[in-house]
């Protein structure tokens, strides 16, 4: 168990759980289930939308690069248009990441601080695809990975997101490997069964991770 990359035990009332895995693995299913059980969920995708839709500097920069039409009439970013470009253009991707990632990370930390100030005591699920890239696992108490065979990931992405099989394969190829996620996790869930089965083992895993944290205290 790679506890050396976790934060040291402390009196913090928050138990911060990093949730990692590839697209289509089932992370969102786990996050929703734990939130239904009372955990607070911090979803980086939602924060990213807040950044691109509401931050004036980000809006100005993206309008300069992509044109005024990159924002729809309702003020939201045309993410499909931006994604299509940055997936093909590494320099454009680097500019987008440099613009948005520091803001998202700051918002994550601000949300954790706000939960502490509000007196929240319990589990916080950090649901962010780039946790490892941002080294945020070092600020968490535990890391839970969700994995599944590549063929199943592709099938799920085609069905749930409407991607072509080729696009799903290309998107997965751009992500970290399954083994990399396993190597960074305290516990790995193999999501090859039903959603109910995944939720059951996720709850059991969380209980085990909390017990380990309490033992370390």
N, C-alpha and C. Protein backbone atom coordinates (compact mmCIF):
# COMPACT_ATOMS: atom_id res chain seq x y z
N UNK A 1 0.84 -1.19 0.00
CA UNK A 1 0.00 0.00 0.00
C UNK A 1 0.88 1.25 0.00
N UNK A 2 0.74 2.17 -0.98
CA UNK A 2 1.67 3.30 -1.13
C UNK A 2 1.36 4.46 -0.19
N UNK A 3 1.40 4.20 1.12
CA UNK A 3 1.03 5.23 2.08
C UNK A 3 2.05 6.37 2.13
N UNK A 4 3.28 6.14 1.61
CA UNK A 4 4.28 7.18 1.68
C UNK A 4 3.89 8.41 0.86
N UNK A 5 2.96 8.25 -0.10
CA UNK A 5 2.54 9.38 -0.92
C UNK A 5 1.23 9.99 -0.42
N UNK A 6 0.81 9.64 0.80
CA UNK A 6 -0.39 10.21 1.39
C UNK A 6 -0.01 11.26 2.43
N UNK A 7 -0.96 12.10 2.77
CA UNK A 7 -0.68 13.09 3.80
C UNK A 7 -0.55 12.38 5.15
N UNK A 8 0.15 13.00 6.04
CA UNK A 8 0.36 12.43 7.36
C UNK A 8 -0.94 12.48 8.16
N UNK A 9 -1.17 11.49 9.04
CA UNK A 9 -2.35 11.52 9.90
C UNK A 9 -2.37 12.80 10.73
N UNK A 10 -3.55 13.37 10.90
CA UNK A 10 -3.67 14.63 11.64
C UNK A 10 -5.04 14.68 12.30
N UNK A 11 -5.32 15.80 12.92
CA UNK A 11 -6.62 15.98 13.55
C UNK A 11 -7.67 16.51 12.61
N UNK A 12 -7.37 16.54 11.32
CA UNK A 12 -8.33 17.04 10.33
C UNK A 12 -9.60 16.19 10.38
N UNK A 13 -10.78 16.82 10.50
CA UNK A 13 -12.02 16.04 10.55
C UNK A 13 -12.43 15.45 9.20
N UNK A 14 -11.73 15.84 8.14
CA UNK A 14 -12.06 15.34 6.81
C UNK A 14 -11.27 14.07 6.50
N UNK A 15 -11.95 13.07 5.95
CA UNK A 15 -11.27 11.91 5.39
C UNK A 15 -11.36 12.08 3.87
N UNK A 16 -10.24 12.44 3.26
CA UNK A 16 -10.24 12.80 1.84
C UNK A 16 -9.86 11.57 1.02
N UNK A 17 -10.79 11.15 0.19
CA UNK A 17 -10.61 9.96 -0.64
C UNK A 17 -10.44 10.38 -2.10
N UNK A 18 -9.30 10.06 -2.68
CA UNK A 18 -9.07 10.31 -4.09
C UNK A 18 -9.61 9.14 -4.90
N UNK A 19 -10.40 9.45 -5.90
CA UNK A 19 -11.02 8.43 -6.74
C UNK A 19 -10.40 8.51 -8.13
N UNK A 20 -9.73 7.42 -8.56
CA UNK A 20 -8.99 7.47 -9.82
C UNK A 20 -9.39 6.30 -10.73
N UNK A 21 -9.11 6.46 -12.00
CA UNK A 21 -9.42 5.41 -12.97
C UNK A 21 -9.61 6.02 -14.35
N UNK A 22 -9.66 5.16 -15.36
CA UNK A 22 -9.79 5.62 -16.73
C UNK A 22 -11.25 5.95 -17.06
N UNK A 23 -11.46 6.62 -18.16
CA UNK A 23 -12.82 6.92 -18.61
C UNK A 23 -13.59 5.62 -18.81
N UNK A 24 -14.83 5.62 -18.33
CA UNK A 24 -15.66 4.44 -18.47
C UNK A 24 -15.48 3.41 -17.39
N UNK A 25 -14.60 3.67 -16.43
CA UNK A 25 -14.30 2.67 -15.41
C UNK A 25 -15.42 2.52 -14.39
N UNK A 26 -16.16 3.60 -14.15
CA UNK A 26 -17.22 3.56 -13.13
C UNK A 26 -16.96 4.48 -11.96
N UNK A 27 -16.02 5.40 -12.08
CA UNK A 27 -15.72 6.32 -10.99
C UNK A 27 -16.96 7.13 -10.57
N UNK A 28 -17.69 7.61 -11.57
CA UNK A 28 -18.85 8.44 -11.25
C UNK A 28 -19.91 7.65 -10.49
N UNK A 29 -20.07 6.38 -10.83
CA UNK A 29 -21.02 5.53 -10.12
C UNK A 29 -20.63 5.43 -8.65
N UNK A 30 -19.35 5.22 -8.40
CA UNK A 30 -18.86 5.12 -7.03
C UNK A 30 -19.04 6.45 -6.31
N UNK A 31 -18.68 7.54 -6.97
CA UNK A 31 -18.79 8.86 -6.34
C UNK A 31 -20.23 9.18 -5.97
N UNK A 32 -21.15 8.90 -6.87
CA UNK A 32 -22.57 9.18 -6.59
C UNK A 32 -23.07 8.33 -5.41
N UNK A 33 -22.67 7.07 -5.38
CA UNK A 33 -23.12 6.19 -4.30
C UNK A 33 -22.60 6.66 -2.95
N UNK A 34 -21.33 7.03 -2.89
CA UNK A 34 -20.75 7.49 -1.62
C UNK A 34 -21.36 8.82 -1.20
N UNK A 35 -21.67 9.67 -2.18
CA UNK A 35 -22.34 10.93 -1.85
C UNK A 35 -23.73 10.67 -1.30
N UNK A 36 -24.42 9.68 -1.86
CA UNK A 36 -25.75 9.32 -1.35
C UNK A 36 -25.67 8.81 0.08
N UNK A 37 -24.51 8.27 0.46
CA UNK A 37 -24.31 7.77 1.82
C UNK A 37 -23.91 8.88 2.80
N UNK A 38 -23.72 10.10 2.28
CA UNK A 38 -23.39 11.21 3.15
C UNK A 38 -22.04 11.85 2.91
N UNK A 39 -21.26 11.31 1.98
CA UNK A 39 -19.97 11.92 1.67
C UNK A 39 -20.18 13.21 0.88
N UNK A 40 -19.23 14.11 0.99
CA UNK A 40 -19.20 15.30 0.14
C UNK A 40 -18.40 14.95 -1.11
N UNK A 41 -18.92 15.32 -2.26
CA UNK A 41 -18.24 15.04 -3.52
C UNK A 41 -17.72 16.34 -4.13
N UNK A 42 -16.43 16.36 -4.41
CA UNK A 42 -15.84 17.48 -5.14
C UNK A 42 -15.52 16.98 -6.54
N UNK A 43 -16.24 17.48 -7.51
CA UNK A 43 -16.15 16.98 -8.88
C UNK A 43 -15.38 17.98 -9.74
N UNK A 44 -14.20 17.60 -10.19
CA UNK A 44 -13.35 18.51 -10.95
C UNK A 44 -13.99 18.93 -12.27
N UNK A 45 -14.74 18.04 -12.90
CA UNK A 45 -15.39 18.40 -14.15
C UNK A 45 -16.34 19.58 -13.95
N UNK A 46 -17.11 19.53 -12.87
CA UNK A 46 -18.04 20.63 -12.59
C UNK A 46 -17.28 21.92 -12.30
N UNK A 47 -16.18 21.82 -11.55
CA UNK A 47 -15.38 23.01 -11.27
C UNK A 47 -14.78 23.55 -12.57
N UNK A 48 -14.40 22.65 -13.47
CA UNK A 48 -13.87 23.08 -14.76
C UNK A 48 -14.90 23.87 -15.55
N UNK A 49 -16.15 23.46 -15.48
CA UNK A 49 -17.22 24.20 -16.14
C UNK A 49 -17.36 25.59 -15.52
N UNK A 50 -17.27 25.65 -14.20
CA UNK A 50 -17.35 26.94 -13.53
C UNK A 50 -16.23 27.87 -14.00
N UNK A 51 -15.04 27.32 -14.14
CA UNK A 51 -13.89 28.12 -14.56
C UNK A 51 -14.09 28.64 -15.98
N UNK A 52 -14.42 27.75 -16.90
CA UNK A 52 -14.52 28.18 -18.30
C UNK A 52 -15.74 29.04 -18.56
N UNK A 53 -16.81 28.86 -17.80
CA UNK A 53 -18.04 29.61 -18.05
C UNK A 53 -18.10 30.94 -17.30
N UNK A 54 -17.39 31.03 -16.15
CA UNK A 54 -17.59 32.19 -15.28
C UNK A 54 -16.35 33.05 -15.04
N UNK A 55 -15.16 32.48 -15.21
CA UNK A 55 -13.95 33.24 -14.94
C UNK A 55 -13.69 34.22 -16.10
N UNK A 56 -13.70 35.53 -15.84
CA UNK A 56 -13.56 36.50 -16.93
C UNK A 56 -12.24 36.35 -17.71
N UNK A 57 -11.15 36.08 -17.00
CA UNK A 57 -9.86 35.95 -17.68
C UNK A 57 -9.85 34.72 -18.59
N UNK A 58 -10.44 33.63 -18.12
CA UNK A 58 -10.50 32.42 -18.93
C UNK A 58 -11.38 32.63 -20.15
N UNK A 59 -12.52 33.25 -19.94
CA UNK A 59 -13.43 33.52 -21.05
C UNK A 59 -12.74 34.39 -22.12
N UNK A 60 -12.03 35.41 -21.66
CA UNK A 60 -11.34 36.29 -22.61
C UNK A 60 -10.27 35.55 -23.39
N UNK A 61 -9.51 34.72 -22.69
CA UNK A 61 -8.43 33.98 -23.35
C UNK A 61 -8.97 32.98 -24.36
N UNK A 62 -10.05 32.28 -24.00
CA UNK A 62 -10.62 31.29 -24.92
C UNK A 62 -11.31 31.96 -26.10
N UNK A 63 -11.91 33.11 -25.87
CA UNK A 63 -12.52 33.85 -26.98
C UNK A 63 -11.46 34.34 -27.94
N UNK A 64 -10.32 34.81 -27.40
CA UNK A 64 -9.22 35.25 -28.26
C UNK A 64 -8.71 34.10 -29.13
N UNK A 65 -8.62 32.91 -28.54
CA UNK A 65 -8.03 31.79 -29.28
C UNK A 65 -9.01 31.14 -30.25
N UNK A 66 -10.27 31.01 -29.83
CA UNK A 66 -11.22 30.24 -30.62
C UNK A 66 -12.28 31.08 -31.33
N UNK A 67 -12.34 32.37 -30.99
CA UNK A 67 -13.37 33.22 -31.57
C UNK A 67 -14.59 33.33 -30.67
N UNK A 68 -15.37 34.38 -30.89
CA UNK A 68 -16.52 34.65 -30.02
C UNK A 68 -17.53 33.50 -30.05
N UNK A 69 -17.59 32.76 -31.16
CA UNK A 69 -18.55 31.68 -31.28
C UNK A 69 -18.28 30.49 -30.38
N UNK A 70 -17.13 30.49 -29.68
CA UNK A 70 -16.83 29.36 -28.81
C UNK A 70 -17.74 29.35 -27.59
N UNK A 71 -18.38 30.50 -27.30
CA UNK A 71 -19.36 30.56 -26.23
C UNK A 71 -20.76 30.63 -26.84
N UNK A 72 -21.64 29.77 -26.34
CA UNK A 72 -23.00 29.73 -26.85
C UNK A 72 -23.80 30.94 -26.35
N UNK A 73 -25.02 31.06 -26.87
CA UNK A 73 -25.88 32.19 -26.50
C UNK A 73 -26.18 32.21 -25.01
N UNK A 74 -26.20 31.02 -24.37
CA UNK A 74 -26.48 30.98 -22.93
C UNK A 74 -25.24 31.23 -22.07
N UNK A 75 -24.11 31.53 -22.73
CA UNK A 75 -22.89 31.85 -22.00
C UNK A 75 -22.00 30.68 -21.67
N UNK A 76 -22.40 29.47 -22.03
CA UNK A 76 -21.58 28.29 -21.73
C UNK A 76 -20.62 27.99 -22.88
N UNK A 77 -19.49 27.40 -22.51
CA UNK A 77 -18.47 27.08 -23.50
C UNK A 77 -18.91 25.91 -24.38
N UNK A 78 -18.60 26.00 -25.67
CA UNK A 78 -18.82 24.88 -26.58
C UNK A 78 -17.65 23.91 -26.38
N UNK A 79 -17.80 23.05 -25.41
CA UNK A 79 -16.71 22.16 -25.02
C UNK A 79 -16.35 21.16 -26.11
N UNK A 80 -17.33 20.74 -26.87
CA UNK A 80 -17.04 19.78 -27.94
C UNK A 80 -16.10 20.39 -28.97
N UNK A 81 -16.30 21.67 -29.29
CA UNK A 81 -15.44 22.34 -30.27
C UNK A 81 -14.02 22.48 -29.74
N UNK A 82 -13.91 22.86 -28.46
CA UNK A 82 -12.58 23.01 -27.85
C UNK A 82 -11.89 21.65 -27.75
N UNK A 83 -12.64 20.63 -27.31
CA UNK A 83 -12.07 19.30 -27.16
C UNK A 83 -11.57 18.76 -28.50
N UNK A 84 -12.30 19.02 -29.56
CA UNK A 84 -11.90 18.54 -30.87
C UNK A 84 -10.55 19.11 -31.29
N UNK A 85 -10.32 20.38 -30.93
CA UNK A 85 -9.04 20.99 -31.30
C UNK A 85 -7.90 20.51 -30.41
N UNK A 86 -8.12 20.54 -29.08
CA UNK A 86 -7.01 20.23 -28.19
C UNK A 86 -6.63 18.75 -28.26
N UNK A 87 -7.55 17.91 -28.71
CA UNK A 87 -7.21 16.49 -28.85
C UNK A 87 -6.22 16.27 -29.99
N UNK A 88 -6.26 17.17 -30.97
CA UNK A 88 -5.35 17.05 -32.12
C UNK A 88 -4.11 17.92 -32.00
N UNK A 89 -4.20 18.98 -31.21
CA UNK A 89 -3.16 20.00 -31.15
C UNK A 89 -2.58 20.06 -29.73
N UNK A 90 -1.38 19.53 -29.56
CA UNK A 90 -0.77 19.47 -28.23
C UNK A 90 -0.50 20.86 -27.66
N UNK A 91 -0.10 21.79 -28.52
CA UNK A 91 0.19 23.14 -28.04
C UNK A 91 -1.09 23.81 -27.52
N UNK A 92 -2.19 23.60 -28.24
CA UNK A 92 -3.47 24.16 -27.79
C UNK A 92 -3.89 23.52 -26.47
N UNK A 93 -3.66 22.24 -26.35
CA UNK A 93 -3.99 21.54 -25.10
C UNK A 93 -3.16 22.09 -23.94
N UNK A 94 -1.87 22.33 -24.20
CA UNK A 94 -1.01 22.86 -23.14
C UNK A 94 -1.46 24.25 -22.71
N UNK A 95 -1.89 25.07 -23.66
CA UNK A 95 -2.37 26.41 -23.31
C UNK A 95 -3.65 26.34 -22.48
N UNK A 96 -4.55 25.44 -22.88
CA UNK A 96 -5.80 25.28 -22.14
C UNK A 96 -5.53 24.79 -20.73
N UNK A 97 -4.66 23.80 -20.59
CA UNK A 97 -4.33 23.24 -19.28
C UNK A 97 -3.70 24.30 -18.37
N UNK A 98 -2.75 25.07 -18.93
CA UNK A 98 -2.07 26.09 -18.14
C UNK A 98 -3.04 27.16 -17.67
N UNK A 99 -4.07 27.40 -18.46
CA UNK A 99 -5.07 28.41 -18.14
C UNK A 99 -6.05 27.93 -17.08
N UNK A 100 -6.48 26.68 -17.19
CA UNK A 100 -7.57 26.20 -16.33
C UNK A 100 -7.15 25.37 -15.12
N UNK A 101 -6.12 24.55 -15.26
CA UNK A 101 -5.79 23.62 -14.18
C UNK A 101 -5.44 24.30 -12.86
N UNK A 102 -4.59 25.34 -12.85
CA UNK A 102 -4.30 25.97 -11.55
C UNK A 102 -5.55 26.51 -10.87
N UNK A 103 -6.49 27.01 -11.65
CA UNK A 103 -7.72 27.54 -11.08
C UNK A 103 -8.58 26.41 -10.49
N UNK A 104 -8.64 25.27 -11.18
CA UNK A 104 -9.42 24.15 -10.67
C UNK A 104 -8.81 23.61 -9.38
N UNK A 105 -7.49 23.48 -9.36
CA UNK A 105 -6.81 23.00 -8.15
C UNK A 105 -7.07 23.95 -6.99
N UNK A 106 -6.99 25.24 -7.25
CA UNK A 106 -7.27 26.22 -6.19
C UNK A 106 -8.69 26.09 -5.68
N UNK A 107 -9.65 25.87 -6.58
CA UNK A 107 -11.04 25.72 -6.16
C UNK A 107 -11.24 24.45 -5.33
N UNK A 108 -10.54 23.39 -5.67
CA UNK A 108 -10.61 22.16 -4.87
C UNK A 108 -10.15 22.44 -3.44
N UNK A 109 -9.01 23.11 -3.31
CA UNK A 109 -8.48 23.40 -1.98
C UNK A 109 -9.38 24.36 -1.22
N UNK A 110 -9.97 25.31 -1.93
CA UNK A 110 -10.90 26.24 -1.28
C UNK A 110 -12.15 25.51 -0.80
N UNK A 111 -12.61 24.56 -1.57
CA UNK A 111 -13.79 23.79 -1.16
C UNK A 111 -13.49 22.95 0.08
N UNK A 112 -12.31 22.36 0.14
CA UNK A 112 -11.92 21.60 1.34
C UNK A 112 -11.85 22.51 2.55
N UNK A 113 -11.27 23.69 2.36
CA UNK A 113 -11.17 24.64 3.47
C UNK A 113 -12.56 25.06 3.94
N UNK A 114 -13.48 25.28 2.98
CA UNK A 114 -14.84 25.68 3.33
C UNK A 114 -15.55 24.59 4.13
N UNK A 115 -15.34 23.34 3.75
CA UNK A 115 -15.97 22.23 4.48
C UNK A 115 -15.47 22.19 5.92
N UNK A 116 -14.19 22.44 6.11
CA UNK A 116 -13.65 22.47 7.47
C UNK A 116 -14.29 23.61 8.27
N UNK A 117 -14.40 24.78 7.65
CA UNK A 117 -14.97 25.93 8.33
C UNK A 117 -16.44 25.70 8.68
N UNK A 118 -17.13 24.93 7.83
CA UNK A 118 -18.54 24.63 8.08
C UNK A 118 -18.72 23.57 9.15
N UNK A 119 -17.61 22.96 9.60
CA UNK A 119 -17.69 21.94 10.63
C UNK A 119 -18.03 20.56 10.11
N UNK A 120 -17.85 20.35 8.80
CA UNK A 120 -18.14 19.03 8.25
C UNK A 120 -17.14 18.01 8.78
N UNK A 121 -17.64 16.87 9.17
CA UNK A 121 -16.80 15.78 9.65
C UNK A 121 -17.19 14.53 8.87
N UNK A 122 -16.27 14.00 8.12
CA UNK A 122 -16.59 12.80 7.37
C UNK A 122 -15.81 12.69 6.08
N UNK A 123 -16.38 11.94 5.16
CA UNK A 123 -15.69 11.59 3.93
C UNK A 123 -15.91 12.66 2.86
N UNK A 124 -14.81 13.01 2.20
CA UNK A 124 -14.87 13.88 1.03
C UNK A 124 -14.30 13.09 -0.14
N UNK A 125 -15.11 12.89 -1.17
CA UNK A 125 -14.67 12.16 -2.36
C UNK A 125 -14.16 13.16 -3.38
N UNK A 126 -12.88 13.06 -3.70
CA UNK A 126 -12.28 13.92 -4.72
C UNK A 126 -12.33 13.18 -6.05
N UNK A 127 -13.23 13.62 -6.91
CA UNK A 127 -13.49 12.96 -8.19
C UNK A 127 -12.88 13.82 -9.29
N UNK A 128 -11.64 13.50 -9.66
CA UNK A 128 -10.92 14.31 -10.65
C UNK A 128 -10.05 13.40 -11.49
N UNK A 129 -10.20 13.49 -12.79
CA UNK A 129 -9.47 12.60 -13.69
C UNK A 129 -7.96 12.79 -13.60
N UNK A 130 -7.53 13.99 -13.21
CA UNK A 130 -6.10 14.32 -13.24
C UNK A 130 -5.47 14.39 -11.84
N UNK A 131 -6.06 13.70 -10.89
CA UNK A 131 -5.53 13.72 -9.53
C UNK A 131 -4.04 13.40 -9.50
N UNK A 132 -3.63 12.36 -10.21
CA UNK A 132 -2.23 11.95 -10.17
C UNK A 132 -1.35 12.94 -10.91
N UNK A 133 -1.84 13.48 -12.01
CA UNK A 133 -1.07 14.47 -12.76
C UNK A 133 -0.84 15.73 -11.92
N UNK A 134 -1.83 16.07 -11.10
CA UNK A 134 -1.71 17.23 -10.23
C UNK A 134 -1.06 16.91 -8.90
N UNK A 135 -0.71 15.64 -8.67
CA UNK A 135 -0.10 15.18 -7.41
C UNK A 135 -1.00 15.46 -6.20
N UNK A 136 -2.30 15.51 -6.41
CA UNK A 136 -3.21 15.77 -5.30
C UNK A 136 -3.40 14.56 -4.40
N UNK A 137 -2.98 13.37 -4.86
CA UNK A 137 -3.10 12.21 -3.99
C UNK A 137 -2.27 12.39 -2.71
N UNK A 138 -1.25 13.26 -2.78
CA UNK A 138 -0.41 13.53 -1.62
C UNK A 138 -1.15 14.33 -0.54
N UNK A 139 -2.26 14.92 -0.93
CA UNK A 139 -3.07 15.70 0.01
C UNK A 139 -4.31 14.93 0.46
N UNK A 140 -4.34 13.64 0.11
CA UNK A 140 -5.49 12.80 0.45
C UNK A 140 -5.11 11.75 1.48
N UNK A 141 -6.12 11.19 2.13
CA UNK A 141 -5.89 10.13 3.12
C UNK A 141 -5.79 8.76 2.49
N UNK A 142 -6.45 8.58 1.35
CA UNK A 142 -6.45 7.28 0.69
C UNK A 142 -6.81 7.47 -0.78
N UNK A 143 -6.42 6.47 -1.57
CA UNK A 143 -6.71 6.49 -3.01
C UNK A 143 -7.40 5.20 -3.39
N UNK A 144 -8.56 5.35 -4.05
CA UNK A 144 -9.34 4.21 -4.50
C UNK A 144 -9.39 4.23 -6.02
N UNK A 145 -8.94 3.15 -6.65
CA UNK A 145 -8.95 3.06 -8.11
C UNK A 145 -10.09 2.16 -8.56
N UNK A 146 -10.67 2.50 -9.71
CA UNK A 146 -11.69 1.67 -10.33
C UNK A 146 -11.18 1.30 -11.72
N UNK A 147 -11.13 0.02 -12.01
CA UNK A 147 -10.61 -0.44 -13.30
C UNK A 147 -11.60 -1.41 -13.95
N UNK A 148 -11.38 -1.64 -15.23
CA UNK A 148 -12.17 -2.61 -16.00
C UNK A 148 -11.38 -2.93 -17.26
N UNK A 149 -11.61 -4.08 -17.88
CA UNK A 149 -10.91 -4.42 -19.12
C UNK A 149 -11.17 -3.37 -20.20
N UNK A 150 -10.18 -3.16 -21.04
CA UNK A 150 -10.28 -2.11 -22.07
C UNK A 150 -11.49 -2.30 -22.97
N UNK A 151 -11.78 -3.51 -23.36
CA UNK A 151 -12.92 -3.75 -24.24
C UNK A 151 -14.22 -3.29 -23.58
N UNK A 152 -14.31 -3.49 -22.28
CA UNK A 152 -15.51 -3.08 -21.56
C UNK A 152 -15.57 -1.56 -21.44
N UNK A 153 -14.41 -0.93 -21.24
CA UNK A 153 -14.37 0.53 -21.19
C UNK A 153 -14.86 1.12 -22.50
N UNK A 154 -14.38 0.57 -23.60
CA UNK A 154 -14.77 1.06 -24.92
C UNK A 154 -16.27 0.90 -25.13
N UNK A 155 -16.78 -0.27 -24.76
CA UNK A 155 -18.22 -0.53 -24.90
C UNK A 155 -19.04 0.48 -24.11
N UNK A 156 -18.61 0.77 -22.89
CA UNK A 156 -19.34 1.72 -22.05
C UNK A 156 -19.28 3.14 -22.62
N UNK A 157 -18.12 3.53 -23.12
CA UNK A 157 -17.98 4.88 -23.65
C UNK A 157 -18.79 5.07 -24.92
N UNK A 158 -18.84 4.06 -25.75
CA UNK A 158 -19.66 4.13 -26.97
C UNK A 158 -21.13 4.25 -26.59
N UNK A 159 -21.54 3.48 -25.59
CA UNK A 159 -22.95 3.47 -25.20
C UNK A 159 -23.35 4.73 -24.43
N UNK A 160 -22.51 5.16 -23.49
CA UNK A 160 -22.91 6.26 -22.60
C UNK A 160 -22.61 7.64 -23.17
N UNK A 161 -21.56 7.75 -23.97
CA UNK A 161 -21.16 9.07 -24.45
C UNK A 161 -21.39 9.27 -25.95
N UNK A 162 -21.80 8.21 -26.61
CA UNK A 162 -22.07 8.34 -28.04
C UNK A 162 -20.83 8.45 -28.90
N UNK A 163 -19.68 8.05 -28.35
CA UNK A 163 -18.44 8.10 -29.13
C UNK A 163 -18.38 6.92 -30.10
N UNK A 164 -17.61 7.09 -31.16
CA UNK A 164 -17.31 5.95 -32.02
C UNK A 164 -16.29 5.08 -31.31
N UNK A 165 -16.18 3.84 -31.74
CA UNK A 165 -15.21 2.94 -31.13
C UNK A 165 -13.79 3.47 -31.32
N UNK A 166 -13.51 4.02 -32.49
CA UNK A 166 -12.17 4.55 -32.76
C UNK A 166 -11.86 5.74 -31.85
N UNK A 167 -12.86 6.59 -31.64
CA UNK A 167 -12.64 7.75 -30.78
C UNK A 167 -12.43 7.31 -29.34
N UNK A 168 -13.21 6.35 -28.89
CA UNK A 168 -13.06 5.84 -27.53
C UNK A 168 -11.66 5.27 -27.33
N UNK A 169 -11.18 4.50 -28.30
CA UNK A 169 -9.83 3.93 -28.20
C UNK A 169 -8.77 5.02 -28.15
N UNK A 170 -8.96 6.06 -28.96
CA UNK A 170 -7.98 7.15 -28.99
C UNK A 170 -7.98 7.92 -27.67
N UNK A 171 -9.16 8.16 -27.11
CA UNK A 171 -9.22 8.87 -25.85
C UNK A 171 -8.58 8.07 -24.72
N UNK A 172 -8.81 6.76 -24.70
CA UNK A 172 -8.21 5.91 -23.69
C UNK A 172 -6.69 5.85 -23.85
N UNK A 173 -6.24 5.84 -25.09
CA UNK A 173 -4.79 5.76 -25.35
C UNK A 173 -4.06 6.99 -24.82
N UNK A 174 -4.79 8.10 -24.69
CA UNK A 174 -4.18 9.34 -24.21
C UNK A 174 -4.14 9.40 -22.69
N UNK A 175 -4.77 8.43 -22.01
CA UNK A 175 -4.83 8.44 -20.55
C UNK A 175 -3.77 7.51 -19.95
N UNK A 176 -3.62 7.59 -18.65
CA UNK A 176 -2.72 6.69 -17.95
C UNK A 176 -3.21 5.25 -18.10
N UNK A 177 -2.28 4.32 -17.92
CA UNK A 177 -2.64 2.91 -18.05
C UNK A 177 -3.39 2.43 -16.81
N UNK A 178 -4.10 1.32 -16.97
CA UNK A 178 -4.77 0.71 -15.83
C UNK A 178 -3.77 0.38 -14.73
N UNK A 179 -2.61 -0.13 -15.13
CA UNK A 179 -1.62 -0.53 -14.14
C UNK A 179 -1.10 0.66 -13.36
N UNK A 180 -0.98 1.79 -14.03
CA UNK A 180 -0.52 2.99 -13.34
C UNK A 180 -1.51 3.37 -12.24
N UNK A 181 -2.79 3.31 -12.53
CA UNK A 181 -3.79 3.62 -11.51
C UNK A 181 -3.72 2.60 -10.37
N UNK A 182 -3.56 1.32 -10.71
CA UNK A 182 -3.44 0.30 -9.66
C UNK A 182 -2.24 0.58 -8.76
N UNK A 183 -1.13 0.95 -9.38
CA UNK A 183 0.11 1.17 -8.63
C UNK A 183 -0.01 2.32 -7.64
N UNK A 184 -0.87 3.28 -7.92
CA UNK A 184 -1.02 4.44 -7.04
C UNK A 184 -2.14 4.27 -6.02
N UNK A 185 -2.89 3.19 -6.12
CA UNK A 185 -4.07 3.04 -5.28
C UNK A 185 -3.80 2.23 -4.01
N UNK A 186 -4.55 2.53 -2.96
CA UNK A 186 -4.53 1.72 -1.75
C UNK A 186 -5.40 0.48 -1.95
N UNK A 187 -6.50 0.65 -2.65
CA UNK A 187 -7.39 -0.46 -3.00
C UNK A 187 -7.85 -0.24 -4.44
N UNK A 188 -7.94 -1.32 -5.21
CA UNK A 188 -8.44 -1.25 -6.58
C UNK A 188 -9.70 -2.09 -6.70
N UNK A 189 -10.73 -1.51 -7.29
CA UNK A 189 -11.99 -2.21 -7.54
C UNK A 189 -12.04 -2.63 -9.00
N UNK A 190 -12.31 -3.89 -9.25
CA UNK A 190 -12.43 -4.40 -10.62
C UNK A 190 -13.90 -4.36 -11.01
N UNK A 191 -14.25 -3.41 -11.85
CA UNK A 191 -15.66 -3.18 -12.19
C UNK A 191 -16.04 -3.94 -13.45
N UNK A 192 -16.29 -5.23 -13.27
CA UNK A 192 -16.73 -6.06 -14.40
C UNK A 192 -18.14 -6.61 -14.20
N UNK A 193 -18.75 -6.25 -13.07
CA UNK A 193 -20.09 -6.76 -12.78
C UNK A 193 -21.14 -5.68 -12.93
N UNK A 194 -22.16 -5.76 -12.09
CA UNK A 194 -23.25 -4.80 -12.14
C UNK A 194 -22.91 -3.55 -11.33
N UNK A 195 -23.71 -2.50 -11.52
CA UNK A 195 -23.52 -1.29 -10.73
C UNK A 195 -23.73 -1.56 -9.25
N UNK A 196 -24.72 -2.40 -8.93
CA UNK A 196 -24.97 -2.73 -7.52
C UNK A 196 -23.77 -3.41 -6.90
N UNK A 197 -23.13 -4.29 -7.65
CA UNK A 197 -21.93 -4.98 -7.14
C UNK A 197 -20.80 -3.98 -6.92
N UNK A 198 -20.65 -3.05 -7.86
CA UNK A 198 -19.59 -2.04 -7.72
C UNK A 198 -19.83 -1.19 -6.48
N UNK A 199 -21.05 -0.77 -6.28
CA UNK A 199 -21.37 0.07 -5.12
C UNK A 199 -21.11 -0.70 -3.82
N UNK A 200 -21.47 -1.96 -3.80
CA UNK A 200 -21.27 -2.76 -2.59
C UNK A 200 -19.79 -2.86 -2.25
N UNK A 201 -18.95 -3.18 -3.22
CA UNK A 201 -17.52 -3.33 -2.92
C UNK A 201 -16.87 -1.97 -2.64
N UNK A 202 -17.41 -0.90 -3.24
CA UNK A 202 -16.87 0.43 -2.97
C UNK A 202 -17.13 0.83 -1.52
N UNK A 203 -18.32 0.55 -1.04
CA UNK A 203 -18.65 0.85 0.36
C UNK A 203 -17.76 0.06 1.31
N UNK A 204 -17.53 -1.21 0.98
CA UNK A 204 -16.67 -2.04 1.82
C UNK A 204 -15.23 -1.52 1.79
N UNK A 205 -14.79 -1.09 0.63
CA UNK A 205 -13.42 -0.56 0.50
C UNK A 205 -13.26 0.71 1.32
N UNK A 206 -14.25 1.59 1.25
CA UNK A 206 -14.17 2.83 2.02
C UNK A 206 -14.10 2.53 3.52
N UNK A 207 -14.91 1.59 3.98
CA UNK A 207 -14.87 1.23 5.40
C UNK A 207 -13.49 0.71 5.79
N UNK A 208 -12.89 -0.08 4.92
CA UNK A 208 -11.55 -0.61 5.19
C UNK A 208 -10.52 0.51 5.23
N UNK A 209 -10.62 1.45 4.30
CA UNK A 209 -9.66 2.56 4.25
C UNK A 209 -9.80 3.47 5.46
N UNK A 210 -11.02 3.71 5.90
CA UNK A 210 -11.22 4.54 7.09
C UNK A 210 -10.67 3.84 8.32
N UNK A 211 -10.83 2.54 8.40
CA UNK A 211 -10.30 1.79 9.53
C UNK A 211 -8.77 1.87 9.56
N UNK A 212 -8.16 1.78 8.38
CA UNK A 212 -6.70 1.90 8.32
C UNK A 212 -6.26 3.27 8.80
N UNK A 213 -6.98 4.32 8.37
CA UNK A 213 -6.61 5.67 8.78
C UNK A 213 -6.73 5.83 10.28
N UNK A 214 -7.81 5.30 10.83
CA UNK A 214 -7.99 5.39 12.29
C UNK A 214 -6.91 4.63 13.05
N UNK A 215 -6.49 3.50 12.48
CA UNK A 215 -5.41 2.71 13.10
C UNK A 215 -4.11 3.49 13.08
N UNK A 216 -3.85 4.21 11.96
CA UNK A 216 -2.62 4.99 11.86
C UNK A 216 -2.61 6.13 12.85
N UNK A 217 -3.80 6.63 13.19
CA UNK A 217 -3.88 7.70 14.19
C UNK A 217 -3.46 7.18 15.56
